[in-house]
Amino acid sequence: MKVCARILGLNHIEVGMDFSRGAHACDIILHSEFINPTDLAAYGSNPEKLKASRAVHELCVTRP
């Protein structure tokens, strides 16, 4: 099942690498598009989002 089908109101989602190397650069970025602000607000407590967040946080390391 596609991720968009499991999260109400999610139109599009993609993960990519950030190669900017700026002071506030990230290693990985998440871009998502929602149908409306209400669906975006609900995304914060969505079980699928929380599961993914836990998995990503386990992989994170602090930069020197």
C-alpha atoms as a PDB file:
ATOM      1  CA  MET A   1       0.000   0.000   0.000  1.00  0.00           C
ATOM      2  CA  LYS A   2       1.349   3.431  -0.910  1.00  0.00           C
ATOM      3  CA  VAL A   3       2.129   5.885   1.885  1.00  0.00           C
ATOM      4  CA  CYS A   4      -0.338   8.439   0.495  1.00  0.00           C
ATOM      5  CA  ALA A   5      -3.137   5.879   0.855  1.00  0.00           C
ATOM      6  CA  ARG A   6      -2.315   5.354   4.557  1.00  0.00           C
ATOM      7  CA  ILE A   7      -2.269   9.045   5.551  1.00  0.00           C
ATOM      8  CA  LEU A   8      -5.505  10.993   5.139  1.00  0.00           C
ATOM      9  CA  GLY A   9      -5.126  14.088   2.984  1.00  0.00           C
ATOM     10  CA  LEU A  10      -1.574  13.373   1.843  1.00  0.00           C
ATOM     11  CA  ASN A  11      -1.248  14.118  -1.874  1.00  0.00           C
ATOM     12  CA  HIS A  12       2.481  13.614  -2.366  1.00  0.00           C
ATOM     13  CA  ILE A  13       5.550  12.747  -0.309  1.00  0.00           C
ATOM     14  CA  GLU A  14       9.207  12.347  -1.186  1.00  0.00           C
ATOM     15  CA  VAL A  15      12.488  11.928   0.652  1.00  0.00           C
ATOM     16  CA  GLY A  16      15.728  13.296  -0.673  1.00  0.00           C
ATOM     17  CA  MET A  17      19.290  14.168   0.249  1.00  0.00           C
ATOM     18  CA  ASP A  18      20.397  17.731   0.952  1.00  0.00           C
ATOM     19  CA  PHE A  19      23.726  18.496  -0.704  1.00  0.00           C
ATOM     20  CA  SER A  20      23.797  22.225   0.148  1.00  0.00           C
ATOM     21  CA  ARG A  21      26.339  21.837   2.978  1.00  0.00           C
ATOM     22  CA  GLY A  22      25.197  25.136   4.497  1.00  0.00           C
ATOM     23  CA  ALA A  23      25.413  25.868   8.217  1.00  0.00           C
ATOM     24  CA  HIS A  24      21.818  24.701   8.729  1.00  0.00           C
ATOM     25  CA  ALA A  25      21.863  21.960   6.120  1.00  0.00           C
ATOM     26  CA  CYS A  26      20.218  18.613   6.717  1.00  0.00           C
ATOM     27  CA  ASP A  27      21.333  15.232   5.505  1.00  0.00           C
ATOM     28  CA  ILE A  28      17.840  14.102   4.563  1.00  0.00           C
ATOM     29  CA  ILE A  29      14.789  16.163   3.687  1.00  0.00           C
ATOM     30  CA  LEU A  30      11.112  15.250   3.593  1.00  0.00           C
ATOM     31  CA  HIS A  31       8.779  17.102   1.254  1.00  0.00           C
ATOM     32  CA  SER A  32       5.056  16.478   1.629  1.00  0.00           C
ATOM     33  CA  GLU A  33       1.924  18.053   0.170  1.00  0.00           C
ATOM     34  CA  PHE A  34      -1.498  17.937   1.816  1.00  0.00           C
ATOM     35  CA  ILE A  35      -4.992  18.653   0.520  1.00  0.00           C
ATOM     36  CA  ASN A  36      -5.701  21.310   3.155  1.00  0.00           C
ATOM     37  CA  PRO A  37      -4.392  22.762   6.460  1.00  0.00           C
ATOM     38  CA  THR A  38      -6.690  20.519   8.506  1.00  0.00           C
ATOM     39  CA  ASP A  39      -5.138  17.368   7.042  1.00  0.00           C
ATOM     40  CA  LEU A  40      -1.663  18.812   7.614  1.00  0.00           C
ATOM     41  CA  ALA A  41      -2.501  19.476  11.277  1.00  0.00           C
ATOM     42  CA  ALA A  42      -3.818  15.922  11.712  1.00  0.00           C
ATOM     43  CA  TYR A  43      -0.596  14.518  10.231  1.00  0.00           C
ATOM     44  CA  GLY A  44       1.316  15.417  13.402  1.00  0.00           C
ATOM     45  CA  SER A  45      -0.421  12.705  15.418  1.00  0.00           C
ATOM     46  CA  ASN A  46      -0.897  10.160  12.615  1.00  0.00           C
ATOM     47  CA  PRO A  47       0.315   6.682  13.744  1.00  0.00           C
ATOM     48  CA  GLU A  48       2.157   6.088  10.439  1.00  0.00           C
ATOM     49  CA  LYS A  49       3.987   9.413  10.794  1.00  0.00           C
ATOM     50  CA  LEU A  50       4.903   8.705  14.422  1.00  0.00           C
ATOM     51  CA  LYS A  51       6.249   5.262  13.497  1.00  0.00           C
ATOM     52  CA  ALA A  52       8.392   6.745  10.724  1.00  0.00           C
ATOM     53  CA  SER A  53       9.630   9.534  13.022  1.00  0.00           C
ATOM     54  CA  ARG A  54      10.810   7.024  15.620  1.00  0.00           C
ATOM     55  CA  ALA A  55      12.678   5.037  12.970  1.00  0.00           C
ATOM     56  CA  VAL A  56      14.390   8.151  11.585  1.00  0.00           C
ATOM     57  CA  HIS A  57      15.359   9.436  15.038  1.00  0.00           C
ATOM     58  CA  GLU A  58      17.093   6.130  15.777  1.00  0.00           C
ATOM     59  CA  LEU A  59      19.296   6.738  12.733  1.00  0.00           C
ATOM     60  CA  CYS A  60      20.160  10.349  13.568  1.00  0.00           C
ATOM     61  CA  VAL A  61      23.562  11.373  14.856  1.00  0.00           C
ATOM     62  CA  THR A  62      24.750  14.684  16.215  1.00  0.00           C
ATOM     63  CA  ARG A  63      27.082  16.679  14.038  1.00  0.00           C
ATOM     64  CA  PRO A  64      30.457  17.690  15.515  1.00  0.00           C
END
